[in-house]
């Protein structure tokens, strides 16, 4: 289990315990966190679960694969250094304390 902080674009924070083996996207979806739409259900076929990873966490996450990188091209205002798709981030104990911020909107 990992405690993950989701920060809405307006600054509202949500700290959620997310089970290992699920994704950061599923943690947001299952807890009704606004700002992550997850239109494709986690298939990495859209960019509606895009977030900006807190700078302290960027180097601690597994690197993204080509499919995630391609999908981020469709995200709203992606940041090459901090943008990730939460459907591609599997929760483990190593993600305890992760902080992600949602963009202004999802497209």
Protein backbone atom coordinates (compact mmCIF):
# COMPACT_ATOMS: atom_id res chain seq x y z
CA UNK A 1 0.00 0.00 0.00
CA UNK A 2 1.25 3.48 -0.83
CA UNK A 3 -0.04 6.86 0.28
CA UNK A 4 -0.33 9.04 -2.81
CA UNK A 5 -1.14 12.74 -2.85
CA UNK A 6 -3.22 13.95 -5.77
CA UNK A 7 -3.35 17.72 -6.19
CA UNK A 8 -6.16 19.20 -8.25
CA UNK A 9 -5.33 22.09 -10.56
CA UNK A 10 -6.97 24.46 -8.05
CA UNK A 11 -4.61 23.26 -5.28
CA UNK A 12 -7.00 20.94 -3.43
CA UNK A 13 -5.05 17.96 -2.09
CA UNK A 14 -6.27 14.39 -1.64
CA UNK A 15 -4.11 11.85 0.22
CA UNK A 16 -5.22 8.35 -0.65
CA UNK A 17 -3.98 4.90 0.33
CA UNK A 18 -3.67 2.95 -2.92
CA UNK A 19 -3.23 -0.83 -2.98
CA UNK A 20 -0.10 -2.37 -4.45
CA UNK A 21 -0.67 -3.83 -7.89
CA UNK A 22 -3.19 -1.19 -8.92
CA UNK A 23 -2.21 1.93 -10.85
CA UNK A 24 -2.04 5.53 -9.76
CA UNK A 25 -4.94 6.14 -12.17
CA UNK A 26 -7.07 3.44 -10.54
CA UNK A 27 -6.39 4.98 -7.15
CA UNK A 28 -7.75 8.30 -8.37
CA UNK A 29 -10.71 6.78 -10.22
CA UNK A 30 -11.74 4.48 -7.38
CA UNK A 31 -11.66 7.37 -4.91
CA UNK A 32 -13.47 9.89 -7.13
CA UNK A 33 -10.52 12.27 -7.36
CA UNK A 34 -11.45 15.08 -9.77
CA UNK A 35 -9.10 15.78 -12.64
CA UNK A 36 -8.29 12.27 -13.83
CA UNK A 37 -10.88 11.11 -16.34
CA UNK A 38 -9.31 7.82 -17.51
CA UNK A 39 -11.49 7.60 -20.61
CA UNK A 40 -9.74 4.49 -21.97
CA UNK A 41 -9.85 2.67 -18.64
CA UNK A 42 -6.10 2.34 -18.36
CA UNK A 43 -5.20 0.93 -21.78
CA UNK A 44 -2.74 3.74 -22.59
CA UNK A 45 -4.99 4.69 -25.51
CA UNK A 46 -5.69 8.29 -24.50
CA UNK A 47 -4.12 11.00 -22.36
CA UNK A 48 -6.94 11.72 -19.92
CA UNK A 49 -5.01 10.47 -16.89
CA UNK A 50 -2.10 12.86 -17.47
CA UNK A 51 -0.41 14.37 -14.41
CA UNK A 52 2.67 16.35 -13.51
CA UNK A 53 4.89 14.38 -11.15
CA UNK A 54 6.42 16.34 -8.27
CA UNK A 55 10.07 17.10 -9.15
CA UNK A 56 11.33 15.05 -6.18
CA UNK A 57 9.70 11.94 -7.70
CA UNK A 58 10.62 12.21 -11.37
CA UNK A 59 13.82 10.16 -11.10
CA UNK A 60 12.28 7.62 -8.71
CA UNK A 61 9.66 6.38 -11.19
CA UNK A 62 10.22 3.67 -13.78
CA UNK A 63 11.03 5.13 -17.17
CA UNK A 64 8.19 5.42 -19.63
CA UNK A 65 7.84 3.19 -22.65
CA UNK A 66 7.33 4.38 -26.22
CA UNK A 67 3.55 3.99 -26.10
CA UNK A 68 3.21 6.27 -23.05
CA UNK A 69 5.56 8.80 -24.61
CA UNK A 70 3.47 8.81 -27.81
CA UNK A 71 0.21 9.27 -25.89
CA UNK A 72 1.64 12.22 -23.95
CA UNK A 73 1.87 14.08 -27.27
CA UNK A 74 -1.95 14.34 -27.05
CA UNK A 75 -2.03 15.59 -23.43
CA UNK A 76 -2.91 19.14 -22.44
CA UNK A 77 0.31 21.13 -21.99
CA UNK A 78 2.68 18.21 -21.35
CA UNK A 79 5.91 18.94 -19.52
CA UNK A 80 8.70 16.82 -21.01
CA UNK A 81 10.40 16.57 -17.60
CA UNK A 82 7.38 15.85 -15.36
CA UNK A 83 4.39 14.57 -17.37
CA UNK A 84 3.27 10.97 -16.93
CA UNK A 85 0.16 8.92 -17.61
CA UNK A 86 -1.08 7.53 -14.30
CA UNK A 87 -2.41 4.38 -15.96
CA UNK A 88 1.21 3.41 -16.59
CA UNK A 89 2.38 3.83 -13.00
CA UNK A 90 1.89 0.61 -11.05
CA UNK A 91 1.66 1.13 -7.31
CA UNK A 92 4.28 -0.51 -5.10
CA UNK A 93 5.62 0.30 -1.64
CA UNK A 94 8.31 2.31 -3.43
CA UNK A 95 5.66 4.86 -4.46
CA UNK A 96 4.70 5.65 -0.86
CA UNK A 97 4.62 9.45 -0.64
CA UNK A 98 4.25 10.07 -4.40
CA UNK A 99 2.82 13.49 -5.25
CA UNK A 100 1.11 14.21 -8.58
CA UNK A 101 -0.68 17.32 -9.80
CA UNK A 102 -3.43 17.37 -12.37
CA UNK A 103 -3.28 19.73 -15.35
CA UNK A 104 -5.88 22.43 -15.88
CA UNK A 105 -7.87 20.03 -18.06
CA UNK A 106 -7.66 16.65 -19.73
CA UNK A 107 -8.01 16.22 -23.49
